[in-house]
Amino acid sequence: ASKEYENSLNYEQWLTDFPKEGFEGEPLEETDIASLLYTSGTTGD
């Protein structure tokens, strides 16, 4: 973002509010969903 946008956050400015270390990841199981990818929808939604 090169300027302020209404009701939006500037990514780089927002990141600086948070620490670079010390994040304890959420426990995950391999059967958990990782990606939700949408097909092109050429014949419908």
ModelCIF file with pLDDT and N, C-alpha, C, O atoms, coordinates in Angstrom:
data_MODEL
#
_entry.id   MODEL 
#
_entity.id                         1 
_entity.type                       polymer 
_entity.pdbx_number_of_molecules   1 
#
_entity_poly.entity_id                      1 
_entity_poly.type                           'polypeptide(L)' 
_entity_poly.nstd_linkage                   no 
_entity_poly.nstd_monomer                   no 
_entity_poly.pdbx_seq_one_letter_code       ASKEYENSLNYEQWLTDFPKEGFEGEPLEETDIASLLYTSGTTGD 
_entity_poly.pdbx_seq_one_letter_code_can   ASKEYENSLNYEQWLTDFPKEGFEGEPLEETDIASLLYTSGTTGD 
_entity_poly.pdbx_strand_id                 A 
#
loop_
_entity_poly_seq.entity_id 
_entity_poly_seq.num 
_entity_poly_seq.mon_id 
_entity_poly_seq.hetero 
1 1  ALA n 
1 2  SER n 
1 3  LYS n 
1 4  GLU n 
1 5  TYR n 
1 6  GLU n 
1 7  ASN n 
1 8  SER n 
1 9  LEU n 
1 10 ASN n 
1 11 TYR n 
1 12 GLU n 
1 13 GLN n 
1 14 TRP n 
1 15 LEU n 
1 16 THR n 
1 17 ASP n 
1 18 PHE n 
1 19 PRO n 
1 20 LYS n 
1 21 GLU n 
1 22 GLY n 
1 23 PHE n 
1 24 GLU n 
1 25 GLY n 
1 26 GLU n 
1 27 PRO n 
1 28 LEU n 
1 29 GLU n 
1 30 GLU n 
1 31 THR n 
1 32 ASP n 
1 33 ILE n 
1 34 ALA n 
1 35 SER n 
1 36 LEU n 
1 37 LEU n 
1 38 TYR n 
1 39 THR n 
1 40 SER n 
1 41 GLY n 
1 42 THR n 
1 43 THR n 
1 44 GLY n 
1 45 ASP n 
#
_struct_asym.id          A 
_struct_asym.entity_id   1 
#
loop_
_ma_qa_metric.id 
_ma_qa_metric.mode 
_ma_qa_metric.name 
_ma_qa_metric.software_group_id 
_ma_qa_metric.type 
1 global pLDDT . pLDDT 
2 local  pLDDT . pLDDT 
#
_ma_qa_metric_global.metric_id      1 
_ma_qa_metric_global.metric_value   91.31 
_ma_qa_metric_global.model_id       1 
_ma_qa_metric_global.ordinal_id     1 
#
loop_
_ma_qa_metric_local.label_asym_id 
_ma_qa_metric_local.label_comp_id 
_ma_qa_metric_local.label_seq_id 
_ma_qa_metric_local.metric_id 
_ma_qa_metric_local.metric_value 
_ma_qa_metric_local.model_id 
_ma_qa_metric_local.ordinal_id 
A ALA 1  2 97.00 1 1  
A SER 2  2 96.00 1 2  
A LYS 3  2 95.00 1 3  
A GLU 4  2 94.00 1 4  
A TYR 5  2 96.00 1 5  
A GLU 6  2 93.00 1 6  
A ASN 7  2 95.00 1 7  
A SER 8  2 97.00 1 8  
A LEU 9  2 98.00 1 9  
A ASN 10 2 98.00 1 10 
A TYR 11 2 98.00 1 11 
A GLU 12 2 98.00 1 12 
A GLN 13 2 97.00 1 13 
A TRP 14 2 98.00 1 14 
A LEU 15 2 98.00 1 15 
A THR 16 2 97.00 1 16 
A ASP 17 2 97.00 1 17 
A PHE 18 2 98.00 1 18 
A PRO 19 2 97.00 1 19 
A LYS 20 2 97.00 1 20 
A GLU 21 2 88.00 1 21 
A GLY 22 2 83.00 1 22 
A PHE 23 2 93.00 1 23 
A GLU 24 2 93.00 1 24 
A GLY 25 2 94.00 1 25 
A GLU 26 2 95.00 1 26 
A PRO 27 2 97.00 1 27 
A LEU 28 2 98.00 1 28 
A GLU 29 2 98.00 1 29 
A GLU 30 2 98.00 1 30 
A THR 31 2 98.00 1 31 
A ASP 32 2 98.00 1 32 
A ILE 33 2 98.00 1 33 
A ALA 34 2 98.00 1 34 
A SER 35 2 98.00 1 35 
A LEU 36 2 98.00 1 36 
A LEU 37 2 97.00 1 37 
A TYR 38 2 96.00 1 38 
A THR 39 2 88.00 1 39 
A SER 40 2 69.00 1 40 
A GLY 41 2 52.00 1 41 
A THR 42 2 49.00 1 42 
A THR 43 2 51.00 1 43 
A GLY 44 2 67.00 1 44 
A ASP 45 2 81.00 1 45 
#
loop_
_atom_site.group_PDB 
_atom_site.id 
_atom_site.type_symbol 
_atom_site.label_atom_id 
_atom_site.label_alt_id 
_atom_site.label_comp_id 
_atom_site.label_asym_id 
_atom_site.label_entity_id 
_atom_site.label_seq_id 
_atom_site.pdbx_PDB_ins_code 
_atom_site.Cartn_x 
_atom_site.Cartn_y 
_atom_site.Cartn_z 
_atom_site.occupancy 
_atom_site.B_iso_or_equiv 
_atom_site.pdbx_formal_charge 
_atom_site.auth_seq_id 
_atom_site.auth_comp_id 
_atom_site.auth_asym_id 
_atom_site.auth_atom_id 
_atom_site.pdbx_PDB_model_num 
ATOM 1   N N  . ALA A 1 1  ? 0.831   -1.202  0.000   1.00 97.00 ? 1  ALA A N  1 
ATOM 2   C CA . ALA A 1 1  ? 0.000   0.000   0.000   1.00 97.00 ? 1  ALA A CA 1 
ATOM 3   C C  . ALA A 1 1  ? 0.872   1.263   0.000   1.00 97.00 ? 1  ALA A C  1 
ATOM 4   O O  . ALA A 1 1  ? 1.762   1.426   0.836   1.00 97.00 ? 1  ALA A O  1 
ATOM 5   N N  . SER A 1 2  ? 0.592   2.137   -0.953  1.00 96.00 ? 2  SER A N  1 
ATOM 6   C CA . SER A 1 2  ? 1.357   3.390   -1.061  1.00 96.00 ? 2  SER A CA 1 
ATOM 7   C C  . SER A 1 2  ? 0.626   4.551   -0.399  1.00 96.00 ? 2  SER A C  1 
ATOM 8   O O  . SER A 1 2  ? 1.136   5.670   -0.354  1.00 96.00 ? 2  SER A O  1 
ATOM 9   N N  . LYS A 1 3  ? -0.583  4.277   0.119   1.00 95.00 ? 3  LYS A N  1 
ATOM 10  C CA . LYS A 1 3  ? -1.376  5.314   0.796   1.00 95.00 ? 3  LYS A CA 1 
ATOM 11  C C  . LYS A 1 3  ? -2.329  4.618   1.765   1.00 95.00 ? 3  LYS A C  1 
ATOM 12  O O  . LYS A 1 3  ? -2.387  3.390   1.826   1.00 95.00 ? 3  LYS A O  1 
ATOM 13  N N  . GLU A 1 4  ? -3.057  5.407   2.504   1.00 94.00 ? 4  GLU A N  1 
ATOM 14  C CA . GLU A 1 4  ? -4.031  4.849   3.440   1.00 94.00 ? 4  GLU A CA 1 
ATOM 15  C C  . GLU A 1 4  ? -5.338  4.534   2.708   1.00 94.00 ? 4  GLU A C  1 
ATOM 16  O O  . GLU A 1 4  ? -5.803  5.319   1.881   1.00 94.00 ? 4  GLU A O  1 
ATOM 17  N N  . TYR A 1 5  ? -5.916  3.386   3.020   1.00 96.00 ? 5  TYR A N  1 
ATOM 18  C CA . TYR A 1 5  ? -7.204  2.988   2.447   1.00 96.00 ? 5  TYR A CA 1 
ATOM 19  C C  . TYR A 1 5  ? -8.219  2.836   3.569   1.00 96.00 ? 5  TYR A C  1 
ATOM 20  O O  . TYR A 1 5  ? -7.916  2.292   4.631   1.00 96.00 ? 5  TYR A O  1 
ATOM 21  N N  . GLU A 1 6  ? -9.413  3.318   3.319   1.00 93.00 ? 6  GLU A N  1 
ATOM 22  C CA . GLU A 1 6  ? -10.459 3.292   4.336   1.00 93.00 ? 6  GLU A CA 1 
ATOM 23  C C  . GLU A 1 6  ? -10.795 1.855   4.732   1.00 93.00 ? 6  GLU A C  1 
ATOM 24  O O  . GLU A 1 6  ? -10.974 0.990   3.874   1.00 93.00 ? 6  GLU A O  1 
ATOM 25  N N  . ASN A 1 7  ? -10.878 1.613   6.036   1.00 95.00 ? 7  ASN A N  1 
ATOM 26  C CA . ASN A 1 7  ? -11.273 0.310   6.586   1.00 95.00 ? 7  ASN A CA 1 
ATOM 27  C C  . ASN A 1 7  ? -10.341 -0.825  6.129   1.00 95.00 ? 7  ASN A C  1 
ATOM 28  O O  . ASN A 1 7  ? -10.775 -1.967  5.977   1.00 95.00 ? 7  ASN A O  1 
ATOM 29  N N  . SER A 1 8  ? -9.067  -0.501  5.913   1.00 97.00 ? 8  SER A N  1 
ATOM 30  C CA . SER A 1 8  ? -8.090  -1.512  5.500   1.00 97.00 ? 8  SER A CA 1 
ATOM 31  C C  . SER A 1 8  ? -6.797  -1.311  6.277   1.00 97.00 ? 8  SER A C  1 
ATOM 32  O O  . SER A 1 8  ? -6.531  -0.223  6.787   1.00 97.00 ? 8  SER A O  1 
ATOM 33  N N  . LEU A 1 9  ? -5.997  -2.371  6.363   1.00 98.00 ? 9  LEU A N  1 
ATOM 34  C CA . LEU A 1 9  ? -4.713  -2.308  7.031   1.00 98.00 ? 9  LEU A CA 1 
ATOM 35  C C  . LEU A 1 9  ? -3.579  -2.308  6.010   1.00 98.00 ? 9  LEU A C  1 
ATOM 36  O O  . LEU A 1 9  ? -3.648  -2.994  4.990   1.00 98.00 ? 9  LEU A O  1 
ATOM 37  N N  . ASN A 1 10 ? -2.546  -1.540  6.293   1.00 98.00 ? 10 ASN A N  1 
ATOM 38  C CA . ASN A 1 10 ? -1.328  -1.531  5.485   1.00 98.00 ? 10 ASN A CA 1 
ATOM 39  C C  . ASN A 1 10 ? -0.461  -2.695  5.957   1.00 98.00 ? 10 ASN A C  1 
ATOM 40  O O  . ASN A 1 10 ? -0.038  -2.716  7.113   1.00 98.00 ? 10 ASN A O  1 
ATOM 41  N N  . TYR A 1 11 ? -0.191  -3.660  5.083   1.00 98.00 ? 11 TYR A N  1 
ATOM 42  C CA . TYR A 1 11 ? 0.444   -4.911  5.479   1.00 98.00 ? 11 TYR A CA 1 
ATOM 43  C C  . TYR A 1 11 ? 1.777   -4.705  6.197   1.00 98.00 ? 11 TYR A C  1 
ATOM 44  O O  . TYR A 1 11 ? 1.968   -5.226  7.296   1.00 98.00 ? 11 TYR A O  1 
ATOM 45  N N  . GLU A 1 12 ? 2.695   -3.959  5.597   1.00 98.00 ? 12 GLU A N  1 
ATOM 46  C CA . GLU A 1 12 ? 4.020   -3.793  6.182   1.00 98.00 ? 12 GLU A CA 1 
ATOM 47  C C  . GLU A 1 12 ? 3.959   -3.056  7.523   1.00 98.00 ? 12 GLU A C  1 
ATOM 48  O O  . GLU A 1 12 ? 4.671   -3.413  8.462   1.00 98.00 ? 12 GLU A O  1 
ATOM 49  N N  . GLN A 1 13 ? 3.115   -2.034  7.611   1.00 97.00 ? 13 GLN A N  1 
ATOM 50  C CA . GLN A 1 13 ? 2.958   -1.329  8.883   1.00 97.00 ? 13 GLN A CA 1 
ATOM 51  C C  . GLN A 1 13 ? 2.351   -2.247  9.930   1.00 97.00 ? 13 GLN A C  1 
ATOM 52  O O  . GLN A 1 13 ? 2.767   -2.246  11.089  1.00 97.00 ? 13 GLN A O  1 
ATOM 53  N N  . TRP A 1 14 ? 1.380   -3.018  9.520   1.00 98.00 ? 14 TRP A N  1 
ATOM 54  C CA . TRP A 1 14 ? 0.690   -3.947  10.428  1.00 98.00 ? 14 TRP A CA 1 
ATOM 55  C C  . TRP A 1 14 ? 1.654   -4.998  10.977  1.00 98.00 ? 14 TRP A C  1 
ATOM 56  O O  . TRP A 1 14 ? 1.613   -5.315  12.166  1.00 98.00 ? 14 TRP A O  1 
ATOM 57  N N  . LEU A 1 15 ? 2.537   -5.547  10.105  1.00 98.00 ? 15 LEU A N  1 
ATOM 58  C CA . LEU A 1 15 ? 3.481   -6.575  10.537  1.00 98.00 ? 15 LEU A CA 1 
ATOM 59  C C  . LEU A 1 15 ? 4.386   -6.082  11.658  1.00 98.00 ? 15 LEU A C  1 
ATOM 60  O O  . LEU A 1 15 ? 4.718   -6.843  12.567  1.00 98.00 ? 15 LEU A O  1 
ATOM 61  N N  . THR A 1 16 ? 4.786   -4.814  11.600  1.00 97.00 ? 16 THR A N  1 
ATOM 62  C CA . THR A 1 16 ? 5.746   -4.302  12.585  1.00 97.00 ? 16 THR A CA 1 
ATOM 63  C C  . THR A 1 16 ? 5.181   -4.299  14.004  1.00 97.00 ? 16 THR A C  1 
ATOM 64  O O  . THR A 1 16 ? 5.936   -4.137  14.962  1.00 97.00 ? 16 THR A O  1 
ATOM 65  N N  . ASP A 1 17 ? 3.889   -4.472  14.152  1.00 97.00 ? 17 ASP A N  1 
ATOM 66  C CA . ASP A 1 17 ? 3.271   -4.505  15.482  1.00 97.00 ? 17 ASP A CA 1 
ATOM 67  C C  . ASP A 1 17 ? 3.488   -5.834  16.197  1.00 97.00 ? 17 ASP A C  1 
ATOM 68  O O  . ASP A 1 17 ? 3.137   -5.974  17.368  1.00 97.00 ? 17 ASP A O  1 
ATOM 69  N N  . PHE A 1 18 ? 4.075   -6.824  15.487  1.00 98.00 ? 18 PHE A N  1 
ATOM 70  C CA . PHE A 1 18 ? 4.129   -8.169  16.050  1.00 98.00 ? 18 PHE A CA 1 
ATOM 71  C C  . PHE A 1 18 ? 5.562   -8.697  16.087  1.00 98.00 ? 18 PHE A C  1 
ATOM 72  O O  . PHE A 1 18 ? 6.381   -8.338  15.241  1.00 98.00 ? 18 PHE A O  1 
ATOM 73  N N  . PRO A 1 19 ? 5.868   -9.563  17.081  1.00 97.00 ? 19 PRO A N  1 
ATOM 74  C CA . PRO A 1 19 ? 7.233   -10.073 17.257  1.00 97.00 ? 19 PRO A CA 1 
ATOM 75  C C  . PRO A 1 19 ? 7.647   -11.040 16.162  1.00 97.00 ? 19 PRO A C  1 
ATOM 76  O O  . PRO A 1 19 ? 6.814   -11.701 15.541  1.00 97.00 ? 19 PRO A O  1 
ATOM 77  N N  . LYS A 1 20 ? 8.964   -11.108 15.937  1.00 97.00 ? 20 LYS A N  1 
ATOM 78  C CA . LYS A 1 20 ? 9.515   -11.985 14.905  1.00 97.00 ? 20 LYS A CA 1 
ATOM 79  C C  . LYS A 1 20 ? 9.744   -13.406 15.412  1.00 97.00 ? 20 LYS A C  1 
ATOM 80  O O  . LYS A 1 20 ? 9.902   -14.337 14.622  1.00 97.00 ? 20 LYS A O  1 
ATOM 81  N N  . GLU A 1 21 ? 9.760   -13.562 16.709  1.00 88.00 ? 21 GLU A N  1 
ATOM 82  C CA . GLU A 1 21 ? 10.009  -14.882 17.280  1.00 88.00 ? 21 GLU A CA 1 
ATOM 83  C C  . GLU A 1 21 ? 8.885   -15.252 18.234  1.00 88.00 ? 21 GLU A C  1 
ATOM 84  O O  . GLU A 1 21 ? 7.966   -14.479 18.502  1.00 88.00 ? 21 GLU A O  1 
ATOM 85  N N  . GLY A 1 22 ? 9.011   -16.472 18.728  1.00 83.00 ? 22 GLY A N  1 
ATOM 86  C CA . GLY A 1 22 ? 8.133   -16.883 19.812  1.00 83.00 ? 22 GLY A CA 1 
ATOM 87  C C  . GLY A 1 22 ? 6.736   -17.296 19.417  1.00 83.00 ? 22 GLY A C  1 
ATOM 88  O O  . GLY A 1 22 ? 5.837   -17.320 20.258  1.00 83.00 ? 22 GLY A O  1 
ATOM 89  N N  . PHE A 1 23 ? 6.535   -17.623 18.151  1.00 93.00 ? 23 PHE A N  1 
ATOM 90  C CA . PHE A 1 23 ? 5.185   -18.083 17.797  1.00 93.00 ? 23 PHE A CA 1 
ATOM 91  C C  . PHE A 1 23 ? 5.110   -19.598 17.944  1.00 93.00 ? 23 PHE A C  1 
ATOM 92  O O  . PHE A 1 23 ? 5.879   -20.335 17.326  1.00 93.00 ? 23 PHE A O  1 
ATOM 93  N N  . GLU A 1 24 ? 4.189   -20.041 18.756  1.00 93.00 ? 24 GLU A N  1 
ATOM 94  C CA . GLU A 1 24 ? 3.973   -21.470 18.952  1.00 93.00 ? 24 GLU A CA 1 
ATOM 95  C C  . GLU A 1 24 ? 2.828   -21.904 18.044  1.00 93.00 ? 24 GLU A C  1 
ATOM 96  O O  . GLU A 1 24 ? 1.672   -21.542 18.265  1.00 93.00 ? 24 GLU A O  1 
ATOM 97  N N  . GLY A 1 25 ? 3.163   -22.682 17.022  1.00 94.00 ? 25 GLY A N  1 
ATOM 98  C CA . GLY A 1 25 ? 2.171   -23.070 16.025  1.00 94.00 ? 25 GLY A CA 1 
ATOM 99  C C  . GLY A 1 25 ? 1.030   -23.887 16.607  1.00 94.00 ? 25 GLY A C  1 
ATOM 100 O O  . GLY A 1 25 ? 1.192   -24.605 17.593  1.00 94.00 ? 25 GLY A O  1 
ATOM 101 N N  . GLU A 1 26 ? -0.114  -23.760 15.977  1.00 95.00 ? 26 GLU A N  1 
ATOM 102 C CA . GLU A 1 26 ? -1.289  -24.534 16.359  1.00 95.00 ? 26 GLU A CA 1 
ATOM 103 C C  . GLU A 1 26 ? -1.020  -26.016 16.089  1.00 95.00 ? 26 GLU A C  1 
ATOM 104 O O  . GLU A 1 26 ? -0.533  -26.360 15.012  1.00 95.00 ? 26 GLU A O  1 
ATOM 105 N N  . PRO A 1 27 ? -1.328  -26.905 17.047  1.00 97.00 ? 27 PRO A N  1 
ATOM 106 C CA . PRO A 1 27 ? -1.175  -28.341 16.779  1.00 97.00 ? 27 PRO A CA 1 
ATOM 107 C C  . PRO A 1 27 ? -2.017  -28.755 15.567  1.00 97.00 ? 27 PRO A C  1 
ATOM 108 O O  . PRO A 1 27 ? -3.209  -28.457 15.490  1.00 97.00 ? 27 PRO A O  1 
ATOM 109 N N  . LEU A 1 28 ? -1.377  -29.440 14.634  1.00 98.00 ? 28 LEU A N  1 
ATOM 110 C CA . LEU A 1 28 ? -2.045  -29.823 13.395  1.00 98.00 ? 28 LEU A CA 1 
ATOM 111 C C  . LEU A 1 28 ? -2.036  -31.333 13.230  1.00 98.00 ? 28 LEU A C  1 
ATOM 112 O O  . LEU A 1 28 ? -1.114  -32.014 13.679  1.00 98.00 ? 28 LEU A O  1 
ATOM 113 N N  . GLU A 1 29 ? -3.063  -31.842 12.587  1.00 98.00 ? 29 GLU A N  1 
ATOM 114 C CA . GLU A 1 29 ? -3.113  -33.237 12.180  1.00 98.00 ? 29 GLU A CA 1 
ATOM 115 C C  . GLU A 1 29 ? -3.062  -33.264 10.656  1.00 98.00 ? 29 GLU A C  1 
ATOM 116 O O  . GLU A 1 29 ? -3.550  -32.339 10.007  1.00 98.00 ? 29 GLU A O  1 
ATOM 117 N N  . GLU A 1 30 ? -2.481  -34.308 10.080  1.00 98.00 ? 30 GLU A N  1 
ATOM 118 C CA . GLU A 1 30 ? -2.320  -34.356 8.626   1.00 98.00 ? 30 GLU A CA 1 
ATOM 119 C C  . GLU A 1 30 ? -3.649  -34.382 7.881   1.00 98.00 ? 30 GLU A C  1 
ATOM 120 O O  . GLU A 1 30 ? -3.700  -34.052 6.696   1.00 98.00 ? 30 GLU A O  1 
ATOM 121 N N  . THR A 1 31 ? -4.712  -34.766 8.554   1.00 98.00 ? 31 THR A N  1 
ATOM 122 C CA . THR A 1 31 ? -6.032  -34.789 7.913   1.00 98.00 ? 31 THR A CA 1 
ATOM 123 C C  . THR A 1 31 ? -6.723  -33.424 7.950   1.00 98.00 ? 31 THR A C  1 
ATOM 124 O O  . THR A 1 31 ? -7.815  -33.273 7.403   1.00 98.00 ? 31 THR A O  1 
ATOM 125 N N  . ASP A 1 32 ? -6.098  -32.431 8.589   1.00 98.00 ? 32 ASP A N  1 
ATOM 126 C CA . ASP A 1 32 ? -6.676  -31.087 8.600   1.00 98.00 ? 32 ASP A CA 1 
ATOM 127 C C  . ASP A 1 32 ? -6.618  -30.489 7.199   1.00 98.00 ? 32 ASP A C  1 
ATOM 128 O O  . ASP A 1 32 ? -5.678  -30.741 6.446   1.00 98.00 ? 32 ASP A O  1 
ATOM 129 N N  . ILE A 1 33 ? -7.616  -29.706 6.861   1.00 98.00 ? 33 ILE A N  1 
ATOM 130 C CA . ILE A 1 33 ? -7.647  -29.030 5.560   1.00 98.00 ? 33 ILE A CA 1 
ATOM 131 C C  . ILE A 1 33 ? -6.581  -27.934 5.533   1.00 98.00 ? 33 ILE A C  1 
ATOM 132 O O  . ILE A 1 33 ? -6.493  -27.118 6.451   1.00 98.00 ? 33 ILE A O  1 
ATOM 133 N N  . ALA A 1 34 ? -5.779  -27.925 4.478   1.00 98.00 ? 34 ALA A N  1 
ATOM 134 C CA . ALA A 1 34 ? -4.743  -26.898 4.302   1.00 98.00 ? 34 ALA A CA 1 
ATOM 135 C C  . ALA A 1 34 ? -5.163  -25.858 3.268   1.00 98.00 ? 34 ALA A C  1 
ATOM 136 O O  . ALA A 1 34 ? -4.961  -24.659 3.462   1.00 98.00 ? 34 ALA A O  1 
ATOM 137 N N  . SER A 1 35 ? -5.749  -26.329 2.166   1.00 98.00 ? 35 SER A N  1 
ATOM 138 C CA . SER A 1 35 ? -6.040  -25.438 1.033   1.00 98.00 ? 35 SER A CA 1 
ATOM 139 C C  . SER A 1 35 ? -7.493  -25.576 0.596   1.00 98.00 ? 35 SER A C  1 
ATOM 140 O O  . SER A 1 35 ? -8.057  -26.670 0.587   1.00 98.00 ? 35 SER A O  1 
ATOM 141 N N  . LEU A 1 36 ? -8.072  -24.463 0.241   1.00 98.00 ? 36 LEU A N  1 
ATOM 142 C CA . LEU A 1 36 ? -9.386  -24.433 -0.402  1.00 98.00 ? 36 LEU A CA 1 
ATOM 143 C C  . LEU A 1 36 ? -9.194  -23.680 -1.713  1.00 98.00 ? 36 LEU A C  1 
ATOM 144 O O  . LEU A 1 36 ? -9.069  -22.456 -1.728  1.00 98.00 ? 36 LEU A O  1 
ATOM 145 N N  . LEU A 1 37 ? -9.173  -24.427 -2.808  1.00 97.00 ? 37 LEU A N  1 
ATOM 146 C CA . LEU A 1 37 ? -8.836  -23.871 -4.122  1.00 97.00 ? 37 LEU A CA 1 
ATOM 147 C C  . LEU A 1 37 ? -10.057 -23.922 -5.033  1.00 97.00 ? 37 LEU A C  1 
ATOM 148 O O  . LEU A 1 37 ? -10.697 -24.966 -5.162  1.00 97.00 ? 37 LEU A O  1 
ATOM 149 N N  . TYR A 1 38 ? -10.374 -22.817 -5.650  1.00 96.00 ? 38 TYR A N  1 
ATOM 150 C CA . TYR A 1 38 ? -11.571 -22.747 -6.483  1.00 96.00 ? 38 TYR A CA 1 
ATOM 151 C C  . TYR A 1 38 ? -11.229 -22.940 -7.959  1.00 96.00 ? 38 TYR A C  1 
ATOM 152 O O  . TYR A 1 38 ? -10.334 -22.292 -8.501  1.00 96.00 ? 38 TYR A O  1 
ATOM 153 N N  . THR A 1 39 ? -11.970 -23.852 -8.591  1.00 88.00 ? 39 THR A N  1 
ATOM 154 C CA . THR A 1 39 ? -11.796 -24.101 -10.017 1.00 88.00 ? 39 THR A CA 1 
ATOM 155 C C  . THR A 1 39 ? -12.346 -22.927 -10.808 1.00 88.00 ? 39 THR A C  1 
ATOM 156 O O  . THR A 1 39 ? -12.993 -22.038 -10.254 1.00 88.00 ? 39 THR A O  1 
ATOM 157 N N  . SER A 1 40 ? -12.084 -22.933 -12.102 1.00 69.00 ? 40 SER A N  1 
ATOM 158 C CA . SER A 1 40 ? -12.380 -21.769 -12.935 1.00 69.00 ? 40 SER A CA 1 
ATOM 159 C C  . SER A 1 40 ? -13.852 -21.462 -13.076 1.00 69.00 ? 40 SER A C  1 
ATOM 160 O O  . SER A 1 40 ? -14.219 -20.311 -13.314 1.00 69.00 ? 40 SER A O  1 
ATOM 161 N N  . GLY A 1 41 ? -14.717 -22.475 -12.935 1.00 52.00 ? 41 GLY A N  1 
ATOM 162 C CA . GLY A 1 41 ? -16.141 -22.220 -13.014 1.00 52.00 ? 41 GLY A CA 1 
ATOM 163 C C  . GLY A 1 41 ? -16.634 -21.846 -14.394 1.00 52.00 ? 41 GLY A C  1 
ATOM 164 O O  . GLY A 1 41 ? -17.509 -20.989 -14.523 1.00 52.00 ? 41 GLY A O  1 
ATOM 165 N N  . THR A 1 42 ? -16.086 -22.479 -15.447 1.00 49.00 ? 42 THR A N  1 
ATOM 166 C CA . THR A 1 42 ? -16.477 -22.133 -16.819 1.00 49.00 ? 42 THR A CA 1 
ATOM 167 C C  . THR A 1 42 ? -17.882 -22.631 -17.156 1.00 49.00 ? 42 THR A C  1 
ATOM 168 O O  . THR A 1 42 ? -18.490 -22.142 -18.108 1.00 49.00 ? 42 THR A O  1 
ATOM 169 N N  . THR A 1 43 ? -18.403 -23.583 -16.404 1.00 51.00 ? 43 THR A N  1 
ATOM 170 C CA . THR A 1 43 ? -19.741 -24.109 -16.689 1.00 51.00 ? 43 THR A CA 1 
ATOM 171 C C  . THR A 1 43 ? -20.665 -23.908 -15.495 1.00 51.00 ? 43 THR A C  1 
ATOM 172 O O  . THR A 1 43 ? -21.577 -24.707 -15.285 1.00 51.00 ? 43 THR A O  1 
ATOM 173 N N  . GLY A 1 44 ? -20.450 -22.866 -14.719 1.00 67.00 ? 44 GLY A N  1 
ATOM 174 C CA . GLY A 1 44 ? -21.266 -22.593 -13.546 1.00 67.00 ? 44 GLY A CA 1 
ATOM 175 C C  . GLY A 1 44 ? -20.411 -21.935 -12.486 1.00 67.00 ? 44 GLY A C  1 
ATOM 176 O O  . GLY A 1 44 ? -19.299 -21.485 -12.761 1.00 67.00 ? 44 GLY A O  1 
ATOM 177 N N  . ASP A 1 45 ? -20.937 -21.880 -11.261 1.00 81.00 ? 45 ASP A N  1 
ATOM 178 C CA . ASP A 1 45 ? -20.167 -21.291 -10.178 1.00 81.00 ? 45 ASP A CA 1 
ATOM 179 C C  . ASP A 1 45 ? -18.896 -22.105 -9.934  1.00 81.00 ? 45 ASP A C  1 
ATOM 180 O O  . ASP A 1 45 ? -18.106 -21.768 -9.053  1.00 81.00 ? 45 ASP A O  1 
#
